[in-house]
Amino acid sequence: MDVQKECERLRDELTVAVQELPQKMYCRLMLGRTWHRLDIMFETVAGGSGAFMIDAETGAVHGIKGYGRVHPNVYHGPADKLTGAVLLPRRYARAHCLPAAS
């Protein structure tokens, strides 16, 4: 699996999913050596909000504890099995999410 391409696909799908919400938002992908950060940003507010952390080697999608800090107990599944529509409702999950159906 090409993790960077899967992250870009998830960013694009999340962008489509957040456009259906009443707030003006967009998604941003920040690539790192060990973790990629997938952020959901408000267009009207400066700064952003972290949403998901993606392991750069395996493609495992996790929630966040704080910006740039992975939450190991919030596992959403592998990036290639997830879609933006599945991830968006899980944005504020606190612990032990069920992985997406394969």
N, C-alpha and C. Protein backbone atom coordinates (compact mmCIF):
# COMPACT_ATOMS: atom_id res chain seq x y z
N MET A 1 0.85 -1.18 0.00
CA MET A 1 0.00 0.00 0.00
C MET A 1 0.89 1.24 0.00
N ASP A 2 0.58 2.19 -0.86
CA ASP A 2 1.28 3.47 -0.89
C ASP A 2 0.55 4.39 0.09
N VAL A 3 1.12 4.55 1.28
CA VAL A 3 0.45 5.27 2.36
C VAL A 3 0.18 6.73 1.99
N GLN A 4 1.12 7.39 1.34
CA GLN A 4 0.93 8.79 0.99
C GLN A 4 -0.25 8.96 0.02
N LYS A 5 -0.38 8.08 -0.96
CA LYS A 5 -1.51 8.18 -1.89
C LYS A 5 -2.83 7.91 -1.18
N GLU A 6 -2.83 6.95 -0.25
CA GLU A 6 -4.05 6.66 0.51
C GLU A 6 -4.43 7.86 1.38
N CYS A 7 -3.43 8.52 1.96
CA CYS A 7 -3.70 9.71 2.77
C CYS A 7 -4.29 10.83 1.91
N GLU A 8 -3.75 11.01 0.73
CA GLU A 8 -4.27 12.03 -0.17
C GLU A 8 -5.70 11.70 -0.60
N ARG A 9 -5.97 10.42 -0.83
CA ARG A 9 -7.33 10.01 -1.18
C ARG A 9 -8.29 10.29 -0.02
N LEU A 10 -7.87 9.96 1.21
CA LEU A 10 -8.71 10.22 2.37
C LEU A 10 -8.95 11.72 2.54
N ARG A 11 -7.92 12.53 2.33
CA ARG A 11 -8.08 13.99 2.42
C ARG A 11 -9.12 14.47 1.43
N ASP A 12 -9.05 13.99 0.20
CA ASP A 12 -10.00 14.41 -0.83
C ASP A 12 -11.41 13.96 -0.49
N GLU A 13 -11.57 12.74 0.02
CA GLU A 13 -12.90 12.25 0.39
C GLU A 13 -13.44 13.00 1.60
N LEU A 14 -12.58 13.33 2.56
CA LEU A 14 -13.02 14.11 3.72
C LEU A 14 -13.44 15.52 3.30
N THR A 15 -12.72 16.09 2.35
CA THR A 15 -13.07 17.42 1.85
C THR A 15 -14.47 17.41 1.26
N VAL A 16 -14.80 16.38 0.50
CA VAL A 16 -16.15 16.26 -0.07
C VAL A 16 -17.17 16.09 1.05
N ALA A 17 -16.83 15.27 2.07
CA ALA A 17 -17.78 15.02 3.17
C ALA A 17 -18.03 16.28 4.00
N VAL A 18 -17.00 17.09 4.26
CA VAL A 18 -17.21 18.29 5.08
C VAL A 18 -17.91 19.40 4.30
N GLN A 19 -17.89 19.36 2.98
CA GLN A 19 -18.59 20.37 2.20
C GLN A 19 -20.09 20.25 2.35
N GLU A 20 -20.57 19.09 2.78
CA GLU A 20 -22.00 18.89 2.99
C GLU A 20 -22.46 19.44 4.34
N LEU A 21 -21.51 19.79 5.22
CA LEU A 21 -21.86 20.35 6.52
C LEU A 21 -22.15 21.84 6.39
N PRO A 22 -22.91 22.41 7.34
CA PRO A 22 -23.25 23.83 7.22
C PRO A 22 -22.05 24.77 7.42
N GLN A 23 -21.03 24.35 8.19
CA GLN A 23 -19.87 25.21 8.39
C GLN A 23 -18.95 25.12 7.18
N LYS A 24 -18.23 26.19 6.91
CA LYS A 24 -17.25 26.19 5.82
C LYS A 24 -15.95 25.59 6.36
N MET A 25 -15.61 24.40 5.87
CA MET A 25 -14.41 23.71 6.33
C MET A 25 -13.66 23.11 5.14
N TYR A 26 -12.40 22.81 5.38
CA TYR A 26 -11.60 22.09 4.39
C TYR A 26 -10.62 21.19 5.12
N CYS A 27 -9.99 20.30 4.41
CA CYS A 27 -9.06 19.35 5.01
C CYS A 27 -7.64 19.62 4.53
N ARG A 28 -6.69 19.32 5.40
CA ARG A 28 -5.28 19.53 5.10
C ARG A 28 -4.51 18.29 5.54
N LEU A 29 -3.55 17.89 4.72
CA LEU A 29 -2.70 16.75 5.02
C LEU A 29 -1.28 17.25 5.28
N MET A 30 -0.74 16.95 6.45
CA MET A 30 0.63 17.31 6.80
C MET A 30 1.44 16.01 6.88
N LEU A 31 2.43 15.88 5.99
CA LEU A 31 3.23 14.67 5.95
C LEU A 31 4.40 14.77 6.91
N GLY A 32 4.63 13.68 7.65
CA GLY A 32 5.75 13.61 8.58
C GLY A 32 6.53 12.33 8.36
N ARG A 33 7.66 12.20 9.05
CA ARG A 33 8.48 10.99 8.87
C ARG A 33 7.81 9.75 9.43
N THR A 34 7.25 9.86 10.63
CA THR A 34 6.64 8.68 11.25
C THR A 34 5.12 8.73 11.26
N TRP A 35 4.53 9.92 11.33
CA TRP A 35 3.07 10.08 11.36
C TRP A 35 2.66 11.17 10.39
N HIS A 36 1.58 10.93 9.66
CA HIS A 36 0.96 11.96 8.83
C HIS A 36 -0.25 12.48 9.60
N ARG A 37 -0.49 13.78 9.52
CA ARG A 37 -1.60 14.40 10.23
C ARG A 37 -2.66 14.85 9.22
N LEU A 38 -3.88 14.43 9.48
CA LEU A 38 -5.00 14.82 8.64
C LEU A 38 -5.86 15.77 9.46
N ASP A 39 -5.88 17.04 9.06
CA ASP A 39 -6.56 18.09 9.81
C ASP A 39 -7.85 18.50 9.12
N ILE A 40 -8.81 18.94 9.92
CA ILE A 40 -10.04 19.53 9.40
C ILE A 40 -10.06 20.96 9.91
N MET A 41 -10.08 21.91 8.98
CA MET A 41 -9.92 23.32 9.31
C MET A 41 -11.20 24.11 9.00
N PHE A 42 -11.48 25.10 9.84
CA PHE A 42 -12.56 26.04 9.55
C PHE A 42 -11.99 27.15 8.69
N GLU A 43 -12.73 27.55 7.65
CA GLU A 43 -12.25 28.61 6.77
C GLU A 43 -12.26 29.97 7.43
N THR A 44 -13.14 30.19 8.40
CA THR A 44 -13.29 31.51 8.99
C THR A 44 -12.43 31.72 10.22
N VAL A 45 -11.81 30.68 10.75
CA VAL A 45 -11.03 30.78 11.98
C VAL A 45 -9.57 30.52 11.66
N ALA A 46 -8.68 31.34 12.20
CA ALA A 46 -7.25 31.10 12.00
C ALA A 46 -6.84 29.85 12.77
N GLY A 47 -5.88 29.13 12.24
CA GLY A 47 -5.44 27.91 12.89
C GLY A 47 -6.27 26.73 12.44
N GLY A 48 -6.07 25.61 13.08
CA GLY A 48 -6.79 24.43 12.65
C GLY A 48 -7.03 23.45 13.77
N SER A 49 -7.52 22.33 13.40
CA SER A 49 -7.86 21.31 14.35
C SER A 49 -7.38 19.97 13.82
N GLY A 50 -6.61 19.28 14.61
CA GLY A 50 -6.18 17.95 14.22
C GLY A 50 -7.36 17.00 14.27
N ALA A 51 -7.38 16.04 13.40
CA ALA A 51 -8.48 15.09 13.38
C ALA A 51 -7.98 13.65 13.46
N PHE A 52 -7.01 13.30 12.62
CA PHE A 52 -6.55 11.92 12.55
C PHE A 52 -5.03 11.88 12.39
N MET A 53 -4.44 10.82 12.92
CA MET A 53 -3.01 10.55 12.75
C MET A 53 -2.89 9.23 11.98
N ILE A 54 -2.03 9.22 10.95
CA ILE A 54 -1.88 8.05 10.11
C ILE A 54 -0.42 7.62 10.15
N ASP A 55 -0.18 6.35 10.52
CA ASP A 55 1.18 5.82 10.59
C ASP A 55 1.77 5.82 9.18
N ALA A 56 2.94 6.42 9.03
CA ALA A 56 3.56 6.58 7.71
C ALA A 56 4.02 5.26 7.12
N GLU A 57 4.27 4.25 7.93
CA GLU A 57 4.73 2.96 7.42
C GLU A 57 3.59 1.99 7.16
N THR A 58 2.66 1.90 8.09
CA THR A 58 1.61 0.88 7.99
C THR A 58 0.29 1.40 7.43
N GLY A 59 0.04 2.70 7.57
CA GLY A 59 -1.23 3.26 7.11
C GLY A 59 -2.35 3.12 8.13
N ALA A 60 -2.02 2.77 9.38
CA ALA A 60 -3.03 2.65 10.43
C ALA A 60 -3.53 4.04 10.82
N VAL A 61 -4.84 4.22 10.85
CA VAL A 61 -5.44 5.51 11.16
C VAL A 61 -5.88 5.51 12.62
N HIS A 62 -5.38 6.51 13.37
CA HIS A 62 -5.69 6.66 14.79
C HIS A 62 -6.28 8.03 15.05
N GLY A 63 -6.90 8.17 16.20
CA GLY A 63 -7.35 9.48 16.66
C GLY A 63 -6.18 10.24 17.25
N ILE A 64 -6.44 11.42 17.78
CA ILE A 64 -5.38 12.24 18.37
C ILE A 64 -5.68 12.51 19.83
N LYS A 65 -4.62 12.67 20.64
CA LYS A 65 -4.75 13.13 22.02
C LYS A 65 -4.62 14.64 22.07
N GLY A 66 -3.70 15.15 21.32
CA GLY A 66 -3.43 16.57 21.17
C GLY A 66 -2.79 16.70 19.81
N TYR A 67 -2.68 17.91 19.30
CA TYR A 67 -2.15 18.03 17.94
C TYR A 67 -0.75 17.43 17.87
N GLY A 68 -0.59 16.49 16.95
CA GLY A 68 0.70 15.82 16.76
C GLY A 68 0.95 14.67 17.70
N ARG A 69 -0.01 14.36 18.56
CA ARG A 69 0.14 13.24 19.51
C ARG A 69 -0.92 12.19 19.21
N VAL A 70 -0.47 11.00 18.89
CA VAL A 70 -1.39 9.92 18.52
C VAL A 70 -2.08 9.37 19.76
N HIS A 71 -3.33 8.97 19.61
CA HIS A 71 -4.08 8.30 20.68
C HIS A 71 -4.12 6.81 20.32
N PRO A 72 -3.28 5.98 20.96
CA PRO A 72 -3.19 4.58 20.56
C PRO A 72 -4.47 3.78 20.78
N ASN A 73 -5.34 4.22 21.69
CA ASN A 73 -6.57 3.48 21.96
C ASN A 73 -7.68 3.79 20.97
N VAL A 74 -7.53 4.82 20.15
CA VAL A 74 -8.55 5.17 19.18
C VAL A 74 -8.03 4.77 17.80
N TYR A 75 -8.35 3.54 17.42
CA TYR A 75 -7.90 2.98 16.15
C TYR A 75 -9.10 2.88 15.22
N HIS A 76 -8.97 3.45 14.03
CA HIS A 76 -10.08 3.45 13.09
C HIS A 76 -9.96 2.39 12.01
N GLY A 77 -8.76 1.89 11.77
CA GLY A 77 -8.55 0.87 10.75
C GLY A 77 -7.45 1.29 9.79
N PRO A 78 -7.17 0.44 8.80
CA PRO A 78 -6.14 0.79 7.81
C PRO A 78 -6.68 1.82 6.81
N ALA A 79 -5.80 2.68 6.35
CA ALA A 79 -6.20 3.78 5.47
C ALA A 79 -6.84 3.29 4.18
N ASP A 80 -6.39 2.15 3.66
CA ASP A 80 -6.94 1.69 2.38
C ASP A 80 -8.33 1.09 2.51
N LYS A 81 -8.82 0.86 3.73
CA LYS A 81 -10.16 0.30 3.94
C LYS A 81 -11.16 1.36 4.39
N LEU A 82 -10.72 2.59 4.59
CA LEU A 82 -11.59 3.65 5.10
C LEU A 82 -11.97 4.62 4.00
N THR A 83 -13.06 5.34 4.22
CA THR A 83 -13.47 6.42 3.32
C THR A 83 -13.69 7.68 4.16
N GLY A 84 -13.76 8.80 3.49
CA GLY A 84 -14.00 10.06 4.19
C GLY A 84 -15.35 10.09 4.89
N ALA A 85 -16.36 9.48 4.28
CA ALA A 85 -17.70 9.46 4.88
C ALA A 85 -17.73 8.62 6.16
N VAL A 86 -16.88 7.61 6.25
CA VAL A 86 -16.80 6.77 7.46
C VAL A 86 -16.01 7.51 8.54
N LEU A 87 -14.94 8.20 8.15
CA LEU A 87 -14.08 8.86 9.12
C LEU A 87 -14.70 10.09 9.75
N LEU A 88 -15.44 10.87 9.00
CA LEU A 88 -15.95 12.14 9.53
C LEU A 88 -16.76 11.98 10.81
N PRO A 89 -17.71 11.04 10.91
CA PRO A 89 -18.44 10.89 12.18
C PRO A 89 -17.56 10.40 13.33
N ARG A 90 -16.42 9.82 13.02
CA ARG A 90 -15.52 9.31 14.06
C ARG A 90 -14.51 10.35 14.52
N ARG A 91 -14.63 11.55 14.04
CA ARG A 91 -13.64 12.58 14.36
C ARG A 91 -13.47 12.80 15.86
N TYR A 92 -14.56 12.82 16.59
CA TYR A 92 -14.49 13.10 18.03
C TYR A 92 -14.58 11.84 18.88
N ALA A 93 -14.28 10.69 18.30
CA ALA A 93 -14.30 9.44 19.07
C ALA A 93 -13.26 9.50 20.17
N ARG A 94 -13.57 8.97 21.33
CA ARG A 94 -12.67 9.07 22.47
C ARG A 94 -11.83 7.82 22.71
N ALA A 95 -12.38 6.64 22.45
CA ALA A 95 -11.57 5.44 22.67
C ALA A 95 -12.24 4.23 22.05
N HIS A 96 -11.41 3.31 21.61
CA HIS A 96 -11.82 1.99 21.15
C HIS A 96 -12.91 2.00 20.09
N CYS A 97 -12.68 2.71 19.01
CA CYS A 97 -13.61 2.68 17.88
C CYS A 97 -13.52 1.33 17.20
N LEU A 98 -14.62 0.88 16.67
CA LEU A 98 -14.59 -0.34 15.88
C LEU A 98 -13.96 -0.04 14.54
N PRO A 99 -13.07 -0.90 14.05
CA PRO A 99 -12.50 -0.68 12.71
C PRO A 99 -13.60 -0.73 11.66
N ALA A 100 -13.36 -0.05 10.54
CA ALA A 100 -14.33 -0.04 9.46
C ALA A 100 -14.45 -1.44 8.88
N ALA A 101 -15.62 -1.76 8.37
CA ALA A 101 -15.84 -3.05 7.76
C ALA A 101 -14.97 -3.19 6.52
N SER A 102 -14.41 -4.35 6.31
CA SER A 102 -13.51 -4.58 5.17
C SER A 102 -14.28 -4.70 3.88
